[in-house]
Amino acid sequence: KNQFGSMAILTLKVGGIRQPHWHPFAWELNYVISGKAEWSIVGTNGQHDSFIANVGDLVFIPRGIFHYFANADSQEELKVLIIFNSSQVVEDDDIGIVPSLNEIPIDILAASFGMPKDYFKDIPRNVTSTPIILRKDTKHRNPSLLRRQP
């Protein structure tokens, strides 16, 4: 009773990125249908995992964990089946980095990073957020640079 779920198929073109985000109400299970995905997951206690997911791979993201993925192929689209344990009726279950940064005052960012306020003066403010981003430079990082940090 009261068990909800939703799913979507997301296609990212070459250079496509799913904006860094987290879901406060749902976990997420991702199945790579085609292409190759570069995943980055930032967990608690400074844990950071970055890896490549290929066709047939499953990637699980626990509720509330900051993450993103990008098309890691320079020629083929990426297609991912995304399954959530909440219905799409749940409002505001996708908190992206862009709208979050838009709302954090410059002095708070400066204090958080231990940098002068001028360091953050060029961060665009009041940016209209979109969950899918296209890189202008489609060169991808070297997979050997992907890492897991405890």
C-alpha atoms as a PDB file:
ATOM      1  CA  LYS A   1       0.000   0.000   0.000  1.00  0.00           C
ATOM      2  CA  ASN A   2       1.179   3.517  -0.849  1.00  0.00           C
ATOM      3  CA  GLN A   3       4.143   2.180  -2.814  1.00  0.00           C
ATOM      4  CA  PHE A   4       4.959   4.489  -5.691  1.00  0.00           C
ATOM      5  CA  GLY A   5       7.462   4.409  -8.489  1.00  0.00           C
ATOM      6  CA  SER A   6       8.296   6.175 -11.693  1.00  0.00           C
ATOM      7  CA  MET A   7      10.686   5.732 -14.558  1.00  0.00           C
ATOM      8  CA  ALA A   8      11.990   7.585 -17.560  1.00  0.00           C
ATOM      9  CA  ILE A   9      14.372   7.014 -20.422  1.00  0.00           C
ATOM     10  CA  LEU A  10      16.942   9.781 -20.715  1.00  0.00           C
ATOM     11  CA  THR A  11      18.985  10.269 -23.881  1.00  0.00           C
ATOM     12  CA  LEU A  12      22.120  12.407 -23.754  1.00  0.00           C
ATOM     13  CA  LYS A  13      23.744  13.525 -26.976  1.00  0.00           C
ATOM     14  CA  VAL A  14      27.521  13.559 -27.331  1.00  0.00           C
ATOM     15  CA  GLY A  15      28.741  16.109 -24.794  1.00  0.00           C
ATOM     16  CA  GLY A  16      25.523  15.828 -22.766  1.00  0.00           C
ATOM     17  CA  ILE A  17      25.532  16.075 -18.970  1.00  0.00           C
ATOM     18  CA  ARG A  18      22.795  15.469 -16.422  1.00  0.00           C
ATOM     19  CA  GLN A  19      23.191  18.488 -14.131  1.00  0.00           C
ATOM     20  CA  PRO A  20      24.705  17.640 -10.726  1.00  0.00           C
ATOM     21  CA  HIS A  21      21.767  17.125  -8.360  1.00  0.00           C
ATOM     22  CA  TRP A  22      20.231  15.080  -5.554  1.00  0.00           C
ATOM     23  CA  HIS A  23      16.795  13.713  -4.669  1.00  0.00           C
ATOM     24  CA  PRO A  24      15.619  14.280  -1.083  1.00  0.00           C
ATOM     25  CA  PHE A  25      12.699  11.843  -1.357  1.00  0.00           C
ATOM     26  CA  ALA A  26      13.776   8.992  -3.641  1.00  0.00           C
ATOM     27  CA  TRP A  27      16.539   6.582  -4.432  1.00  0.00           C
ATOM     28  CA  GLU A  28      17.437   6.125  -8.080  1.00  0.00           C
ATOM     29  CA  LEU A  29      18.349   3.027 -10.096  1.00  0.00           C
ATOM     30  CA  ASN A  30      19.914   3.569 -13.525  1.00  0.00           C
ATOM     31  CA  TYR A  31      20.319   1.009 -16.298  1.00  0.00           C
ATOM     32  CA  VAL A  32      22.575   1.846 -19.262  1.00  0.00           C
ATOM     33  CA  ILE A  33      20.668   0.856 -22.408  1.00  0.00           C
ATOM     34  CA  SER A  34      23.207   2.161 -24.925  1.00  0.00           C
ATOM     35  CA  GLY A  35      26.389   4.186 -24.945  1.00  0.00           C
ATOM     36  CA  LYS A  36      28.785   4.813 -22.090  1.00  0.00           C
ATOM     37  CA  ALA A  37      28.249   7.001 -18.988  1.00  0.00           C
ATOM     38  CA  GLU A  38      30.706   8.750 -16.712  1.00  0.00           C
ATOM     39  CA  TRP A  39      29.215   8.755 -13.210  1.00  0.00           C
ATOM     40  CA  SER A  40      30.265  10.821 -10.244  1.00  0.00           C
ATOM     41  CA  ILE A  41      28.737  10.270  -6.813  1.00  0.00           C
ATOM     42  CA  VAL A  42      29.552  12.328  -3.731  1.00  0.00           C
ATOM     43  CA  GLY A  43      28.578  10.514  -0.567  1.00  0.00           C
ATOM     44  CA  THR A  44      28.837  11.237   3.094  1.00  0.00           C
ATOM     45  CA  ASN A  45      32.130  11.728   4.932  1.00  0.00           C
ATOM     46  CA  GLY A  46      33.893  12.999   1.808  1.00  0.00           C
ATOM     47  CA  GLN A  47      33.484   9.760  -0.147  1.00  0.00           C
ATOM     48  CA  HIS A  48      33.619  10.363  -3.895  1.00  0.00           C
ATOM     49  CA  ASP A  49      33.233   7.734  -6.611  1.00  0.00           C
ATOM     50  CA  SER A  50      33.765   8.375 -10.318  1.00  0.00           C
ATOM     51  CA  PHE A  51      33.537   5.555 -12.825  1.00  0.00           C
ATOM     52  CA  ILE A  52      32.417   4.499 -16.288  1.00  0.00           C
ATOM     53  CA  ALA A  53      29.156   2.550 -16.676  1.00  0.00           C
ATOM     54  CA  ASN A  54      28.712   0.561 -19.882  1.00  0.00           C
ATOM     55  CA  VAL A  55      25.754  -1.094 -21.614  1.00  0.00           C
ATOM     56  CA  GLY A  56      23.983  -3.423 -19.180  1.00  0.00           C
ATOM     57  CA  ASP A  57      25.445  -1.817 -16.047  1.00  0.00           C
ATOM     58  CA  LEU A  58      23.249  -0.776 -13.122  1.00  0.00           C
ATOM     59  CA  VAL A  59      24.050   2.266 -11.001  1.00  0.00           C
ATOM     60  CA  PHE A  60      22.248   2.782  -7.679  1.00  0.00           C
ATOM     61  CA  ILE A  61      22.051   6.211  -6.050  1.00  0.00           C
ATOM     62  CA  PRO A  62      20.739   6.288  -2.464  1.00  0.00           C
ATOM     63  CA  ARG A  63      18.240   8.967  -1.480  1.00  0.00           C
ATOM     64  CA  GLY A  64      19.820  12.356  -0.784  1.00  0.00           C
ATOM     65  CA  ILE A  65      23.201  11.590  -2.394  1.00  0.00           C
ATOM     66  CA  PHE A  66      24.704  14.232  -4.720  1.00  0.00           C
ATOM     67  CA  HIS A  67      25.459  12.850  -8.187  1.00  0.00           C
ATOM     68  CA  TYR A  68      25.636  13.459 -11.900  1.00  0.00           C
ATOM     69  CA  PHE A  69      26.390  11.569 -15.072  1.00  0.00           C
ATOM     70  CA  ALA A  70      27.589  12.505 -18.519  1.00  0.00           C
ATOM     71  CA  ASN A  71      27.830  10.902 -21.920  1.00  0.00           C
ATOM     72  CA  ALA A  72      31.366   9.473 -21.922  1.00  0.00           C
ATOM     73  CA  ASP A  73      31.393   8.600 -25.622  1.00  0.00           C
ATOM     74  CA  SER A  74      32.632  11.000 -28.286  1.00  0.00           C
ATOM     75  CA  GLN A  75      30.460   9.504 -31.048  1.00  0.00           C
ATOM     76  CA  GLU A  76      27.399   7.702 -29.640  1.00  0.00           C
ATOM     77  CA  GLU A  77      24.357   8.941 -27.730  1.00  0.00           C
ATOM     78  CA  LEU A  78      23.846   7.661 -24.191  1.00  0.00           C
ATOM     79  CA  LYS A  79      20.490   6.129 -23.297  1.00  0.00           C
ATOM     80  CA  VAL A  80      19.686   5.386 -19.631  1.00  0.00           C
ATOM     81  CA  LEU A  81      16.557   3.924 -18.028  1.00  0.00           C
ATOM     82  CA  ILE A  82      16.042   5.750 -14.717  1.00  0.00           C
ATOM     83  CA  ILE A  83      13.808   4.242 -12.023  1.00  0.00           C
ATOM     84  CA  PHE A  84      12.754   6.100  -8.855  1.00  0.00           C
ATOM     85  CA  ASN A  85      10.947   4.740  -5.814  1.00  0.00           C
ATOM     86  CA  SER A  86       8.669   7.774  -5.784  1.00  0.00           C
ATOM     87  CA  SER A  87       5.975   8.882  -8.150  1.00  0.00           C
ATOM     88  CA  GLN A  88       6.344  11.902 -10.373  1.00  0.00           C
ATOM     89  CA  VAL A  89       3.606  13.435  -8.229  1.00  0.00           C
ATOM     90  CA  VAL A  90       6.318  14.260  -5.673  1.00  0.00           C
ATOM     91  CA  GLU A  91       7.095  17.947  -6.143  1.00  0.00           C
ATOM     92  CA  ASP A  92      10.633  19.278  -5.899  1.00  0.00           C
ATOM     93  CA  ASP A  93      12.436  15.929  -5.721  1.00  0.00           C
ATOM     94  CA  ASP A  94      15.248  17.139  -7.942  1.00  0.00           C
ATOM     95  CA  ILE A  95      17.557  19.742  -6.421  1.00  0.00           C
ATOM     96  CA  GLY A  96      20.182  20.833  -8.936  1.00  0.00           C
ATOM     97  CA  ILE A  97      23.491  22.547  -8.316  1.00  0.00           C
ATOM     98  CA  VAL A  98      22.655  25.562 -10.510  1.00  0.00           C
ATOM     99  CA  PRO A  99      19.509  26.689  -8.664  1.00  0.00           C
ATOM    100  CA  SER A 100      21.245  25.908  -5.371  1.00  0.00           C
ATOM    101  CA  LEU A 101      24.229  28.135  -6.177  1.00  0.00           C
ATOM    102  CA  ASN A 102      21.876  30.845  -7.437  1.00  0.00           C
ATOM    103  CA  GLU A 103      20.434  31.113  -3.928  1.00  0.00           C
ATOM    104  CA  ILE A 104      23.662  31.086  -1.888  1.00  0.00           C
ATOM    105  CA  PRO A 105      24.958  34.604  -1.178  1.00  0.00           C
ATOM    106  CA  ILE A 106      28.517  35.361  -2.331  1.00  0.00           C
ATOM    107  CA  ASP A 107      29.724  36.025   1.226  1.00  0.00           C
ATOM    108  CA  ILE A 108      28.509  32.576   2.316  1.00  0.00           C
ATOM    109  CA  LEU A 109      30.269  30.901  -0.635  1.00  0.00           C
ATOM    110  CA  ALA A 110      33.458  32.834   0.176  1.00  0.00           C
ATOM    111  CA  ALA A 111      33.355  31.810   3.835  1.00  0.00           C
ATOM    112  CA  SER A 112      32.565  28.180   2.953  1.00  0.00           C
ATOM    113  CA  PHE A 113      35.516  27.867   0.576  1.00  0.00           C
ATOM    114  CA  GLY A 114      37.860  30.094   2.582  1.00  0.00           C
ATOM    115  CA  MET A 115      38.308  32.413  -0.388  1.00  0.00           C
ATOM    116  CA  PRO A 116      37.833  36.171  -0.872  1.00  0.00           C
ATOM    117  CA  LYS A 117      34.415  37.303  -2.133  1.00  0.00           C
ATOM    118  CA  ASP A 118      35.983  38.550  -5.375  1.00  0.00           C
ATOM    119  CA  TYR A 119      36.793  34.950  -6.252  1.00  0.00           C
ATOM    120  CA  PHE A 120      33.049  34.299  -6.739  1.00  0.00           C
ATOM    121  CA  LYS A 121      32.104  37.553  -8.489  1.00  0.00           C
ATOM    122  CA  ASP A 122      31.958  35.927 -11.929  1.00  0.00           C
ATOM    123  CA  ILE A 123      29.572  33.132 -10.947  1.00  0.00           C
ATOM    124  CA  PRO A 124      26.422  33.764 -12.989  1.00  0.00           C
ATOM    125  CA  ARG A 125      23.421  34.642 -10.830  1.00  0.00           C
ATOM    126  CA  ASN A 126      19.739  34.069 -11.608  1.00  0.00           C
ATOM    127  CA  VAL A 127      20.553  31.389 -14.160  1.00  0.00           C
ATOM    128  CA  THR A 128      17.595  29.494 -15.535  1.00  0.00           C
ATOM    129  CA  SER A 129      18.265  25.913 -14.581  1.00  0.00           C
ATOM    130  CA  THR A 130      17.950  23.012 -16.957  1.00  0.00           C
ATOM    131  CA  PRO A 131      18.512  19.392 -15.932  1.00  0.00           C
ATOM    132  CA  ILE A 132      20.336  18.547 -19.182  1.00  0.00           C
ATOM    133  CA  ILE A 133      23.462  20.446 -20.194  1.00  0.00           C
ATOM    134  CA  LEU A 134      25.522  20.202 -23.389  1.00  0.00           C
ATOM    135  CA  ARG A 135      29.290  20.682 -23.114  1.00  0.00           C
ATOM    136  CA  LYS A 136      30.789  23.065 -25.625  1.00  0.00           C
ATOM    137  CA  ASP A 137      34.010  21.056 -25.567  1.00  0.00           C
ATOM    138  CA  THR A 138      33.175  17.414 -26.273  1.00  0.00           C
ATOM    139  CA  LYS A 139      36.622  16.128 -25.340  1.00  0.00           C
ATOM    140  CA  HIS A 140      36.222  13.760 -22.426  1.00  0.00           C
ATOM    141  CA  ARG A 141      38.437  13.231 -19.462  1.00  0.00           C
ATOM    142  CA  ASN A 142      40.862  10.354 -19.491  1.00  0.00           C
ATOM    143  CA  PRO A 143      39.056   7.391 -17.836  1.00  0.00           C
ATOM    144  CA  SER A 144      42.218   6.624 -15.886  1.00  0.00           C
ATOM    145  CA  LEU A 145      41.636   9.901 -14.032  1.00  0.00           C
ATOM    146  CA  LEU A 146      38.346   8.621 -12.658  1.00  0.00           C
ATOM    147  CA  ARG A 147      38.781   7.704  -9.055  1.00  0.00           C
ATOM    148  CA  ARG A 148      37.312   6.418  -5.906  1.00  0.00           C
ATOM    149  CA  GLN A 149      38.077   8.295  -2.731  1.00  0.00           C
ATOM    150  CA  PRO A 150      37.287   6.715   0.640  1.00  0.00           C
END
